[in-house]
Amino acid sequence: MGLLFPNLSEENSKKVYVKHMLRVVIVLSVTALLTWYGKVYKPKPMLTTVNEFAVWIFPHQNGLSALAVLPNDNIDSNAVKTGLRIWISPPDSLLAFERHSAARYRGQNILAIGDSLSEQLREDMLSIIDSTGSLFWLGPLGKELVGEDVSAELKLFDGSLQDYVFDLTYEGNRLRFFGSQLALDSAAKEPASVSVIMFKKELFIWNGYGEESADFSSIDLDSPEAMALVSYSKATGLSAKRMRLREWEPSDKR
């Protein structure tokens, strides 16, 4: 029997025991680390300062809100180095939106488009601007702020800050935001890659407005947790997809 089951020497027995215990310690340590990471550890949000073109659109009170993050300007002839953030009809609290989404961008400047800028909203915007940055309302929209790669244009109708049409054009793709029914009725019926009806939660029109041949497929945003992301990459071009904004309340001010 000794040929089949050789007796382990005392020295070999100690080595086997040590190896066994080492494996047990490693397994228990890995299990404890995974449990702590999954149930206890709360990682800090990743703050994005280097980005491609992206627009987040989500429900806000009686309509929609949008965060447009312009791509980094890699042109050395000007001072625009990081993407400008443009809030279109921003929510009451930007920080509340950040807590429920993956959109945590930081940079030098923020520009707001809308009919008002509350004190809470102003404080939120200032808190997420670099120390050398600036907060702008309704402009400017020139190359000194948006860079060479993107063009932006804001049109107001009847002198009302709510009746606006805001255009963003990047790589030949136009995104058009309508602030009111008056603006929608008054604006020229020009083709657009994306048209966003900011005063209606249920409409997000993709690839055209006012064109008989346009593709009027839409993304449903009438749910409080619905969100759309429009983005651009050199590999895939302009794309849009529906996402979930977990536990978001359109009137959230927390």
C-alpha atoms as a PDB file:
ATOM      1  CA  MET A   1       0.000   0.000   0.000  1.00  0.00           C
ATOM      2  CA  GLY A   2       2.910   2.252   0.567  1.00  0.00           C
ATOM      3  CA  LEU A   3       3.541   2.237  -3.172  1.00  0.00           C
ATOM      4  CA  LEU A   4       0.065   3.677  -3.863  1.00  0.00           C
ATOM      5  CA  PHE A   5      -0.185   6.043  -0.902  1.00  0.00           C
ATOM      6  CA  PRO A   6       3.307   7.049   0.120  1.00  0.00           C
ATOM      7  CA  ASN A   7       3.603   8.404   3.618  1.00  0.00           C
ATOM      8  CA  LEU A   8       4.300  12.110   3.753  1.00  0.00           C
ATOM      9  CA  SER A   9       7.277  13.142   5.778  1.00  0.00           C
ATOM     10  CA  GLU A  10       6.779  15.645   8.575  1.00  0.00           C
ATOM     11  CA  GLU A  11       8.531  18.292   6.485  1.00  0.00           C
ATOM     12  CA  ASN A  12       6.303  17.650   3.459  1.00  0.00           C
ATOM     13  CA  SER A  13       3.199  17.679   5.659  1.00  0.00           C
ATOM     14  CA  LYS A  14       4.109  21.122   6.950  1.00  0.00           C
ATOM     15  CA  LYS A  15       4.615  22.408   3.389  1.00  0.00           C
ATOM     16  CA  VAL A  16       1.231  21.061   2.264  1.00  0.00           C
ATOM     17  CA  TYR A  17      -0.444  22.581   5.323  1.00  0.00           C
ATOM     18  CA  VAL A  18       1.186  25.969   4.741  1.00  0.00           C
ATOM     19  CA  LYS A  19       0.144  25.973   1.057  1.00  0.00           C
ATOM     20  CA  HIS A  20      -3.395  24.989   1.987  1.00  0.00           C
ATOM     21  CA  MET A  21      -3.700  27.714   4.581  1.00  0.00           C
ATOM     22  CA  LEU A  22      -2.240  30.248   2.159  1.00  0.00           C
ATOM     23  CA  ARG A  23      -4.910  29.364  -0.393  1.00  0.00           C
ATOM     24  CA  VAL A  24      -7.623  29.686   2.252  1.00  0.00           C
ATOM     25  CA  VAL A  25      -6.332  33.104   3.322  1.00  0.00           C
ATOM     26  CA  ILE A  26      -6.224  34.307  -0.301  1.00  0.00           C
ATOM     27  CA  VAL A  27      -9.773  33.104  -1.026  1.00  0.00           C
ATOM     28  CA  LEU A  28     -11.148  34.657   2.165  1.00  0.00           C
ATOM     29  CA  SER A  29      -9.323  37.940   1.473  1.00  0.00           C
ATOM     30  CA  VAL A  30     -10.657  38.157  -2.094  1.00  0.00           C
ATOM     31  CA  THR A  31     -14.192  37.343  -0.898  1.00  0.00           C
ATOM     32  CA  ALA A  32     -14.011  39.986   1.834  1.00  0.00           C
ATOM     33  CA  LEU A  33     -12.652  42.573  -0.617  1.00  0.00           C
ATOM     34  CA  LEU A  34     -15.417  41.912  -3.164  1.00  0.00           C
ATOM     35  CA  THR A  35     -18.083  42.071  -0.438  1.00  0.00           C
ATOM     36  CA  TRP A  36     -16.711  45.382   0.838  1.00  0.00           C
ATOM     37  CA  TYR A  37     -16.483  46.842  -2.661  1.00  0.00           C
ATOM     38  CA  GLY A  38     -20.008  45.758  -3.579  1.00  0.00           C
ATOM     39  CA  LYS A  39     -21.818  46.731  -0.376  1.00  0.00           C
ATOM     40  CA  VAL A  40     -19.737  49.340   1.437  1.00  0.00           C
ATOM     41  CA  TYR A  41     -17.379  51.168  -0.900  1.00  0.00           C
ATOM     42  CA  LYS A  42     -18.806  54.119  -2.801  1.00  0.00           C
ATOM     43  CA  PRO A  43     -16.406  55.215  -5.556  1.00  0.00           C
ATOM     44  CA  LYS A  44     -16.070  58.884  -6.326  1.00  0.00           C
ATOM     45  CA  PRO A  45     -17.713  59.916  -9.607  1.00  0.00           C
ATOM     46  CA  MET A  46     -15.393  60.131 -12.574  1.00  0.00           C
ATOM     47  CA  LEU A  47     -15.211  63.741 -13.667  1.00  0.00           C
ATOM     48  CA  THR A  48     -14.859  64.025 -17.427  1.00  0.00           C
ATOM     49  CA  THR A  49     -12.905  66.888 -18.932  1.00  0.00           C
ATOM     50  CA  VAL A  50     -11.802  65.162 -22.173  1.00  0.00           C
ATOM     51  CA  ASN A  51     -14.751  64.215 -24.324  1.00  0.00           C
ATOM     52  CA  GLU A  52     -16.360  63.877 -27.720  1.00  0.00           C
ATOM     53  CA  PHE A  53     -19.588  65.585 -28.769  1.00  0.00           C
ATOM     54  CA  ALA A  54     -22.460  64.480 -26.506  1.00  0.00           C
ATOM     55  CA  VAL A  55     -25.955  65.750 -25.685  1.00  0.00           C
ATOM     56  CA  TRP A  56     -28.007  64.361 -22.778  1.00  0.00           C
ATOM     57  CA  ILE A  57     -31.790  64.994 -22.950  1.00  0.00           C
ATOM     58  CA  PHE A  58     -34.173  64.193 -20.092  1.00  0.00           C
ATOM     59  CA  PRO A  59     -37.557  65.216 -18.567  1.00  0.00           C
ATOM     60  CA  HIS A  60     -37.661  68.447 -16.599  1.00  0.00           C
ATOM     61  CA  GLN A  61     -40.879  69.764 -15.024  1.00  0.00           C
ATOM     62  CA  ASN A  62     -43.264  70.458 -17.940  1.00  0.00           C
ATOM     63  CA  GLY A  63     -40.821  69.717 -20.724  1.00  0.00           C
ATOM     64  CA  LEU A  64     -37.278  68.612 -21.461  1.00  0.00           C
ATOM     65  CA  SER A  65     -33.816  69.707 -20.399  1.00  0.00           C
ATOM     66  CA  ALA A  66     -30.575  69.136 -22.282  1.00  0.00           C
ATOM     67  CA  LEU A  67     -26.879  69.172 -21.484  1.00  0.00           C
ATOM     68  CA  ALA A  68     -24.698  69.616 -24.554  1.00  0.00           C
ATOM     69  CA  VAL A  69     -20.982  68.951 -24.090  1.00  0.00           C
ATOM     70  CA  LEU A  70     -18.946  70.203 -26.994  1.00  0.00           C
ATOM     71  CA  PRO A  71     -15.873  68.269 -28.136  1.00  0.00           C
ATOM     72  CA  ASN A  72     -12.389  69.297 -27.207  1.00  0.00           C
ATOM     73  CA  ASP A  73     -10.922  71.830 -29.571  1.00  0.00           C
ATOM     74  CA  ASN A  74      -7.487  70.567 -30.647  1.00  0.00           C
ATOM     75  CA  ILE A  75      -6.725  73.619 -32.739  1.00  0.00           C
ATOM     76  CA  ASP A  76      -3.609  75.333 -31.422  1.00  0.00           C
ATOM     77  CA  SER A  77      -4.483  78.741 -32.861  1.00  0.00           C
ATOM     78  CA  ASN A  78      -7.005  79.566 -30.140  1.00  0.00           C
ATOM     79  CA  ALA A  79      -7.391  79.205 -26.380  1.00  0.00           C
ATOM     80  CA  VAL A  80     -10.412  76.848 -26.364  1.00  0.00           C
ATOM     81  CA  LYS A  81      -8.877  73.664 -24.976  1.00  0.00           C
ATOM     82  CA  THR A  82     -11.760  71.844 -23.254  1.00  0.00           C
ATOM     83  CA  GLY A  83     -15.368  71.242 -24.237  1.00  0.00           C
ATOM     84  CA  LEU A  84     -17.881  73.944 -23.425  1.00  0.00           C
ATOM     85  CA  ARG A  85     -20.947  72.757 -21.501  1.00  0.00           C
ATOM     86  CA  ILE A  86     -24.249  74.243 -22.665  1.00  0.00           C
ATOM     87  CA  TRP A  87     -27.371  73.773 -20.513  1.00  0.00           C
ATOM     88  CA  ILE A  88     -30.601  74.216 -22.492  1.00  0.00           C
ATOM     89  CA  SER A  89     -33.638  74.776 -20.230  1.00  0.00           C
ATOM     90  CA  PRO A  90     -31.593  73.497 -17.272  1.00  0.00           C
ATOM     91  CA  PRO A  91     -33.253  71.704 -14.314  1.00  0.00           C
ATOM     92  CA  ASP A  92     -33.707  73.421 -10.970  1.00  0.00           C
ATOM     93  CA  SER A  93     -30.659  71.637  -9.595  1.00  0.00           C
ATOM     94  CA  LEU A  94     -27.779  70.455 -11.748  1.00  0.00           C
ATOM     95  CA  LEU A  95     -26.288  68.564  -8.818  1.00  0.00           C
ATOM     96  CA  ALA A  96     -29.493  66.551  -8.384  1.00  0.00           C
ATOM     97  CA  PHE A  97     -29.276  65.509 -12.029  1.00  0.00           C
ATOM     98  CA  GLU A  98     -25.641  64.494 -11.622  1.00  0.00           C
ATOM     99  CA  ARG A  99     -26.473  62.253  -8.671  1.00  0.00           C
ATOM    100  CA  HIS A 100     -28.854  60.221 -10.831  1.00  0.00           C
ATOM    101  CA  SER A 101     -26.887  60.063 -14.080  1.00  0.00           C
ATOM    102  CA  ALA A 102     -23.503  59.250 -15.544  1.00  0.00           C
ATOM    103  CA  ALA A 103     -23.083  62.766 -16.917  1.00  0.00           C
ATOM    104  CA  ARG A 104     -20.450  64.386 -14.723  1.00  0.00           C
ATOM    105  CA  TYR A 105     -18.520  66.815 -16.842  1.00  0.00           C
ATOM    106  CA  ARG A 106     -16.148  69.453 -15.551  1.00  0.00           C
ATOM    107  CA  GLY A 107     -14.485  72.238 -17.420  1.00  0.00           C
ATOM    108  CA  GLN A 108     -13.787  75.914 -17.607  1.00  0.00           C
ATOM    109  CA  ASN A 109     -17.014  77.449 -18.905  1.00  0.00           C
ATOM    110  CA  ILE A 110     -20.787  76.883 -18.802  1.00  0.00           C
ATOM    111  CA  LEU A 111     -23.402  78.582 -20.966  1.00  0.00           C
ATOM    112  CA  ALA A 112     -27.128  78.503 -20.087  1.00  0.00           C
ATOM    113  CA  ILE A 113     -29.994  78.842 -22.572  1.00  0.00           C
ATOM    114  CA  GLY A 114     -33.434  79.546 -21.095  1.00  0.00           C
ATOM    115  CA  ASP A 115     -35.835  82.177 -19.843  1.00  0.00           C
ATOM    116  CA  SER A 116     -34.512  82.383 -16.277  1.00  0.00           C
ATOM    117  CA  LEU A 117     -31.525  81.612 -14.075  1.00  0.00           C
ATOM    118  CA  SER A 118     -32.523  81.017 -10.443  1.00  0.00           C
ATOM    119  CA  GLU A 119     -30.173  81.581  -7.539  1.00  0.00           C
ATOM    120  CA  GLN A 120     -29.997  77.825  -6.855  1.00  0.00           C
ATOM    121  CA  LEU A 121     -29.187  77.119 -10.491  1.00  0.00           C
ATOM    122  CA  ARG A 122     -26.535  79.818 -10.513  1.00  0.00           C
ATOM    123  CA  GLU A 123     -24.904  78.392  -7.382  1.00  0.00           C
ATOM    124  CA  ASP A 124     -24.902  74.883  -8.849  1.00  0.00           C
ATOM    125  CA  MET A 125     -23.280  76.070 -12.055  1.00  0.00           C
ATOM    126  CA  LEU A 126     -20.611  78.052 -10.243  1.00  0.00           C
ATOM    127  CA  SER A 127     -19.799  75.022  -8.081  1.00  0.00           C
ATOM    128  CA  ILE A 128     -18.873  72.901 -11.116  1.00  0.00           C
ATOM    129  CA  ILE A 129     -16.755  75.486 -12.922  1.00  0.00           C
ATOM    130  CA  ASP A 130     -12.977  75.603 -12.711  1.00  0.00           C
ATOM    131  CA  SER A 131     -11.559  78.433 -10.619  1.00  0.00           C
ATOM    132  CA  THR A 132     -10.578  80.332 -13.762  1.00  0.00           C
ATOM    133  CA  GLY A 133     -13.856  79.650 -15.591  1.00  0.00           C
ATOM    134  CA  SER A 134     -16.949  81.716 -16.317  1.00  0.00           C
ATOM    135  CA  LEU A 135     -20.744  81.346 -16.355  1.00  0.00           C
ATOM    136  CA  PHE A 136     -22.613  82.769 -19.365  1.00  0.00           C
ATOM    137  CA  TRP A 137     -26.304  83.247 -20.042  1.00  0.00           C
ATOM    138  CA  LEU A 138     -27.610  83.307 -23.653  1.00  0.00           C
ATOM    139  CA  GLY A 139     -24.156  83.889 -25.110  1.00  0.00           C
ATOM    140  CA  PRO A 140     -21.659  84.661 -26.512  1.00  0.00           C
ATOM    141  CA  LEU A 141     -21.724  81.942 -29.164  1.00  0.00           C
ATOM    142  CA  GLY A 142     -18.607  82.836 -31.130  1.00  0.00           C
ATOM    143  CA  LYS A 143     -15.456  80.846 -31.756  1.00  0.00           C
ATOM    144  CA  GLU A 144     -13.800  82.300 -28.673  1.00  0.00           C
ATOM    145  CA  LEU A 145     -16.125  80.140 -26.565  1.00  0.00           C
ATOM    146  CA  VAL A 146     -17.421  77.243 -28.682  1.00  0.00           C
ATOM    147  CA  GLY A 147     -14.203  76.727 -30.642  1.00  0.00           C
ATOM    148  CA  GLU A 148     -13.565  76.199 -34.326  1.00  0.00           C
ATOM    149  CA  ASP A 149     -15.250  72.809 -34.706  1.00  0.00           C
ATOM    150  CA  VAL A 150     -18.791  73.702 -33.606  1.00  0.00           C
ATOM    151  CA  SER A 151     -21.146  76.460 -34.702  1.00  0.00           C
ATOM    152  CA  ALA A 152     -23.977  77.662 -32.461  1.00  0.00           C
ATOM    153  CA  GLU A 153     -26.851  80.051 -33.140  1.00  0.00           C
ATOM    154  CA  LEU A 154     -29.659  81.302 -30.901  1.00  0.00           C
ATOM    155  CA  LYS A 155     -32.832  82.910 -32.301  1.00  0.00           C
ATOM    156  CA  LEU A 156     -35.499  84.592 -30.147  1.00  0.00           C
ATOM    157  CA  PHE A 157     -39.040  85.368 -31.322  1.00  0.00           C
ATOM    158  CA  ASP A 158     -41.136  88.330 -30.124  1.00  0.00           C
ATOM    159  CA  GLY A 159     -38.385  89.244 -27.664  1.00  0.00           C
ATOM    160  CA  SER A 160     -39.306  86.349 -25.353  1.00  0.00           C
ATOM    161  CA  LEU A 161     -36.506  84.300 -23.772  1.00  0.00           C
ATOM    162  CA  GLN A 162     -38.773  81.263 -23.762  1.00  0.00           C
ATOM    163  CA  ASP A 163     -39.528  81.449 -27.486  1.00  0.00           C
ATOM    164  CA  TYR A 164     -36.133  80.336 -28.730  1.00  0.00           C
ATOM    165  CA  VAL A 165     -34.623  78.140 -31.412  1.00  0.00           C
ATOM    166  CA  PHE A 166     -31.112  76.995 -30.610  1.00  0.00           C
ATOM    167  CA  ASP A 167     -28.939  75.329 -33.256  1.00  0.00           C
ATOM    168  CA  LEU A 168     -25.768  73.319 -32.727  1.00  0.00           C
ATOM    169  CA  THR A 169     -23.897  72.104 -35.801  1.00  0.00           C
ATOM    170  CA  TYR A 170     -21.000  69.660 -35.665  1.00  0.00           C
ATOM    171  CA  GLU A 171     -19.429  67.646 -38.490  1.00  0.00           C
ATOM    172  CA  GLY A 172     -22.330  68.628 -40.764  1.00  0.00           C
ATOM    173  CA  ASN A 173     -24.961  67.467 -38.253  1.00  0.00           C
ATOM    174  CA  ARG A 174     -27.463  70.052 -37.029  1.00  0.00           C
ATOM    175  CA  LEU A 175     -29.224  69.672 -33.682  1.00  0.00           C
ATOM    176  CA  ARG A 176     -32.170  72.062 -33.293  1.00  0.00           C
ATOM    177  CA  PHE A 177     -33.897  72.800 -29.982  1.00  0.00           C
ATOM    178  CA  PHE A 178     -37.351  74.469 -29.930  1.00  0.00           C
ATOM    179  CA  GLY A 179     -38.226  76.282 -26.699  1.00  0.00           C
ATOM    180  CA  SER A 180     -41.933  76.848 -27.338  1.00  0.00           C
ATOM    181  CA  GLN A 181     -44.809  76.275 -29.753  1.00  0.00           C
ATOM    182  CA  LEU A 182     -44.392  79.839 -31.026  1.00  0.00           C
ATOM    183  CA  ALA A 183     -40.757  79.152 -31.832  1.00  0.00           C
ATOM    184  CA  LEU A 184     -41.695  75.880 -33.530  1.00  0.00           C
ATOM    185  CA  ASP A 185     -44.307  77.634 -35.677  1.00  0.00           C
ATOM    186  CA  SER A 186     -42.117  80.654 -36.442  1.00  0.00           C
ATOM    187  CA  ALA A 187     -38.836  78.968 -37.314  1.00  0.00           C
ATOM    188  CA  ALA A 188     -37.892  78.227 -40.892  1.00  0.00           C
ATOM    189  CA  LYS A 189     -38.617  74.598 -41.774  1.00  0.00           C
ATOM    190  CA  GLU A 190     -35.000  73.628 -42.310  1.00  0.00           C
ATOM    191  CA  PRO A 191     -33.747  70.025 -42.211  1.00  0.00           C
ATOM    192  CA  ALA A 192     -31.983  68.881 -39.071  1.00  0.00           C
ATOM    193  CA  SER A 193     -30.311  65.677 -37.969  1.00  0.00           C
ATOM    194  CA  VAL A 194     -32.029  65.949 -34.584  1.00  0.00           C
ATOM    195  CA  SER A 195     -34.966  68.159 -33.607  1.00  0.00           C
ATOM    196  CA  VAL A 196     -35.875  68.385 -29.926  1.00  0.00           C
ATOM    197  CA  ILE A 197     -39.223  69.806 -28.844  1.00  0.00           C
ATOM    198  CA  MET A 198     -38.199  71.122 -25.425  1.00  0.00           C
ATOM    199  CA  PHE A 199     -41.723  71.913 -24.230  1.00  0.00           C
ATOM    200  CA  LYS A 200     -43.088  68.367 -24.801  1.00  0.00           C
ATOM    201  CA  LYS A 201     -41.839  65.299 -22.963  1.00  0.00           C
ATOM    202  CA  GLU A 202     -43.137  62.791 -25.457  1.00  0.00           C
ATOM    203  CA  LEU A 203     -41.366  64.080 -28.548  1.00  0.00           C
ATOM    204  CA  PHE A 204     -37.795  63.618 -29.599  1.00  0.00           C
ATOM    205  CA  ILE A 205     -37.645  63.713 -33.394  1.00  0.00           C
ATOM    206  CA  TRP A 206     -34.699  62.073 -35.124  1.00  0.00           C
ATOM    207  CA  ASN A 207     -33.469  63.042 -38.579  1.00  0.00           C
ATOM    208  CA  GLY A 208     -35.532  65.929 -39.745  1.00  0.00           C
ATOM    209  CA  TYR A 209     -38.386  68.357 -39.275  1.00  0.00           C
ATOM    210  CA  GLY A 210     -40.700  69.742 -41.925  1.00  0.00           C
ATOM    211  CA  GLU A 211     -39.384  67.493 -44.673  1.00  0.00           C
ATOM    212  CA  GLU A 212     -41.756  65.034 -46.362  1.00  0.00           C
ATOM    213  CA  SER A 213     -38.937  62.557 -46.931  1.00  0.00           C
ATOM    214  CA  ALA A 214     -37.479  62.865 -43.433  1.00  0.00           C
ATOM    215  CA  ASP A 215     -37.290  59.880 -41.106  1.00  0.00           C
ATOM    216  CA  PHE A 216     -39.503  60.815 -38.164  1.00  0.00           C
ATOM    217  CA  SER A 217     -38.507  58.006 -35.839  1.00  0.00           C
ATOM    218  CA  SER A 218     -38.582  59.191 -32.233  1.00  0.00           C
ATOM    219  CA  ILE A 219     -37.341  58.327 -28.776  1.00  0.00           C
ATOM    220  CA  ASP A 220     -40.047  58.232 -26.129  1.00  0.00           C
ATOM    221  CA  LEU A 221     -39.203  60.538 -23.220  1.00  0.00           C
ATOM    222  CA  ASP A 222     -42.574  60.721 -21.463  1.00  0.00           C
ATOM    223  CA  SER A 223     -41.333  58.614 -18.519  1.00  0.00           C
ATOM    224  CA  PRO A 224     -39.605  60.418 -15.610  1.00  0.00           C
ATOM    225  CA  GLU A 225     -36.673  57.991 -15.836  1.00  0.00           C
ATOM    226  CA  ALA A 226     -36.306  58.173 -19.624  1.00  0.00           C
ATOM    227  CA  MET A 227     -33.217  59.833 -21.047  1.00  0.00           C
ATOM    228  CA  ALA A 228     -31.688  60.120 -24.496  1.00  0.00           C
ATOM    229  CA  LEU A 229     -28.038  60.434 -25.417  1.00  0.00           C
ATOM    230  CA  VAL A 230     -27.029  61.906 -28.760  1.00  0.00           C
ATOM    231  CA  SER A 231     -23.333  61.486 -29.460  1.00  0.00           C
ATOM    232  CA  TYR A 232     -20.805  61.605 -32.251  1.00  0.00           C
ATOM    233  CA  SER A 233     -17.722  59.559 -32.947  1.00  0.00           C
ATOM    234  CA  LYS A 234     -15.564  59.362 -36.055  1.00  0.00           C
ATOM    235  CA  ALA A 235     -16.157  55.621 -36.246  1.00  0.00           C
ATOM    236  CA  THR A 236     -19.987  55.590 -36.121  1.00  0.00           C
ATOM    237  CA  GLY A 237     -20.973  59.182 -36.866  1.00  0.00           C
ATOM    238  CA  LEU A 238     -23.992  60.711 -35.120  1.00  0.00           C
ATOM    239  CA  SER A 239     -26.140  58.305 -33.101  1.00  0.00           C
ATOM    240  CA  ALA A 240     -28.977  58.459 -30.571  1.00  0.00           C
ATOM    241  CA  LYS A 241     -30.135  55.967 -27.962  1.00  0.00           C
ATOM    242  CA  ARG A 242     -32.605  55.772 -25.098  1.00  0.00           C
ATOM    243  CA  MET A 243     -31.214  55.324 -21.610  1.00  0.00           C
ATOM    244  CA  ARG A 244     -32.538  55.131 -18.063  1.00  0.00           C
ATOM    245  CA  LEU A 245     -32.136  57.926 -15.533  1.00  0.00           C
ATOM    246  CA  ARG A 246     -32.627  56.006 -12.297  1.00  0.00           C
ATOM    247  CA  GLU A 247     -34.868  57.434  -9.559  1.00  0.00           C
ATOM    248  CA  TRP A 248     -35.033  60.831 -11.262  1.00  0.00           C
ATOM    249  CA  GLU A 249     -37.864  63.213 -10.471  1.00  0.00           C
ATOM    250  CA  PRO A 250     -38.317  65.980 -13.077  1.00  0.00           C
ATOM    251  CA  SER A 251     -38.923  68.530 -10.304  1.00  0.00           C
ATOM    252  CA  ASP A 252     -36.074  67.227  -8.100  1.00  0.00           C
ATOM    253  CA  LYS A 253     -34.329  70.074  -6.266  1.00  0.00           C
ATOM    254  CA  ARG A 254     -32.303  68.022  -3.802  1.00  0.00           C
END
